[in-house]
Amino acid sequence: MMRPSRGHMRHLGVLRGSGTLRRGGVVLGLVDFEIDGFCTKPGEVVGSGEIRMAPAELANAFGRSDLELTTEKGKILALRFSGSRRGAEAGAAHADIVGGLPAEDDWHR
């Protein structure tokens, strides 16, 4: 298996699906997601992608901390929204996954 060289990221694959966004056990809404996984150095996996949900629910969730996305398969991903929101009518936002991603060797390419 090839390892990334210093300063390079290696794309591991994409996680797509549906789930529930929560904060402190409180459901904020249903989501669809598409997350790209990257290996930044051996053993370190990061994720970045798009979260789509009802615009009013997204407005309520955007900017909050301690968010968890529970996937339809039961995986719990810690996330934070990154960047600015596209507008009140937008039902999508960029997110960084900060915990709970599969290990480097567990991604399906």
Protein backbone atom coordinates (compact mmCIF):
# COMPACT_ATOMS: atom_id res chain seq x y z
CA MET A 1 0.00 0.00 0.00
CA MET A 2 1.34 3.41 -0.93
CA ARG A 3 1.56 6.06 1.75
CA PRO A 4 1.15 9.77 1.08
CA SER A 5 4.36 11.73 0.89
CA ARG A 6 4.93 14.75 3.07
CA GLY A 7 2.52 17.59 2.31
CA HIS A 8 0.18 15.50 0.14
CA MET A 9 -3.32 14.23 0.75
CA ARG A 10 -4.59 10.97 -0.69
CA HIS A 11 -8.27 10.60 -1.53
CA LEU A 12 -9.70 7.51 0.19
CA GLY A 13 -13.23 7.51 -1.17
CA VAL A 14 -16.67 8.98 -0.62
CA LEU A 15 -19.32 8.35 2.03
CA ARG A 16 -22.84 9.04 0.78
CA GLY A 17 -26.13 8.51 2.49
CA SER A 18 -28.78 9.80 4.82
CA GLY A 19 -28.93 10.29 8.53
CA THR A 20 -29.95 12.46 11.44
CA LEU A 21 -28.18 15.57 12.68
CA ARG A 22 -28.18 15.96 16.47
CA ARG A 23 -26.78 18.26 19.10
CA GLY A 24 -26.72 17.07 22.70
CA GLY A 25 -29.12 14.24 21.82
CA VAL A 26 -31.68 16.66 20.34
CA VAL A 27 -32.62 15.97 16.72
CA LEU A 28 -32.05 19.00 14.50
CA GLY A 29 -33.20 17.36 11.28
CA LEU A 30 -32.81 14.68 8.65
CA VAL A 31 -29.85 15.03 6.29
CA ASP A 32 -28.38 13.70 3.11
CA PHE A 33 -24.61 13.85 2.92
CA GLU A 34 -21.65 13.33 0.64
CA ILE A 35 -18.28 13.29 2.39
CA ASP A 36 -14.87 12.83 0.78
CA GLY A 37 -12.28 11.11 2.95
CA PHE A 38 -8.58 11.96 2.78
CA CYS A 39 -5.45 10.58 4.39
CA THR A 40 -3.24 13.51 5.36
CA LYS A 41 -0.53 11.40 6.97
CA PRO A 42 -0.39 7.73 7.97
CA GLY A 43 -3.25 6.99 10.34
CA GLU A 44 -4.86 10.44 10.05
CA VAL A 45 -8.17 10.56 8.18
CA VAL A 46 -10.14 13.75 7.60
CA GLY A 47 -13.42 14.35 5.80
CA SER A 48 -14.95 17.23 3.93
CA GLY A 49 -18.20 17.50 2.01
CA GLU A 50 -21.76 18.67 1.76
CA ILE A 51 -24.71 18.31 4.11
CA ARG A 52 -28.20 18.82 2.67
CA MET A 53 -31.30 19.34 4.81
CA ALA A 54 -34.46 21.44 4.99
CA PRO A 55 -33.45 25.13 4.86
CA ALA A 56 -35.13 26.03 8.18
CA GLU A 57 -33.45 23.09 9.94
CA LEU A 58 -30.10 23.97 8.40
CA ALA A 59 -30.49 27.56 9.60
CA ASN A 60 -31.10 26.24 13.12
CA ALA A 61 -28.04 23.95 13.00
CA PHE A 62 -25.56 26.23 11.21
CA GLY A 63 -22.90 27.68 13.48
CA ARG A 64 -23.63 25.35 16.41
CA SER A 65 -20.93 23.27 18.04
CA ASP A 66 -20.99 19.65 19.19
CA LEU A 67 -22.93 18.41 16.16
CA GLU A 68 -23.25 14.70 15.43
CA LEU A 69 -24.42 13.06 12.25
CA THR A 70 -25.77 9.56 12.84
CA THR A 71 -25.76 7.74 9.52
CA GLU A 72 -28.42 5.29 8.40
CA LYS A 73 -25.84 2.56 9.14
CA GLY A 74 -25.41 3.77 12.74
CA LYS A 75 -22.01 5.43 12.39
CA ILE A 76 -21.67 8.64 14.43
CA LEU A 77 -19.67 11.41 12.77
CA ALA A 78 -18.69 14.58 14.61
CA LEU A 79 -18.96 17.57 12.31
CA ARG A 80 -18.72 21.31 12.07
CA PHE A 81 -19.96 23.57 9.35
CA SER A 82 -17.22 25.41 7.53
CA GLY A 83 -17.42 28.50 5.39
CA SER A 84 -20.36 30.82 5.16
CA ARG A 85 -23.97 29.92 4.54
CA ARG A 86 -25.24 30.42 0.99
CA GLY A 87 -28.48 32.14 2.04
CA ALA A 88 -31.66 31.56 4.00
CA GLU A 89 -33.25 29.52 1.22
CA ALA A 90 -30.22 27.23 0.80
CA GLY A 91 -30.63 23.66 1.91
CA ALA A 92 -26.95 22.74 1.69
CA ALA A 93 -23.76 23.69 3.47
CA HIS A 94 -20.14 22.61 3.51
CA ALA A 95 -19.02 20.58 6.52
CA ASP A 96 -15.79 19.16 7.89
CA ILE A 97 -15.93 15.82 9.64
CA VAL A 98 -13.82 16.02 12.79
CA GLY A 99 -14.37 12.56 14.26
CA GLY A 100 -15.83 9.12 13.71
CA LEU A 101 -14.57 8.46 10.19
CA PRO A 102 -13.52 4.96 9.13
CA ALA A 103 -9.84 4.07 9.44
CA GLU A 104 -7.66 4.56 6.38
CA ASP A 105 -7.85 0.89 5.32
CA ASP A 106 -11.64 0.67 5.76
CA TRP A 107 -12.63 2.98 2.89
CA HIS A 108 -14.12 1.41 -0.23
CA ARG A 109 -12.68 2.88 -3.37
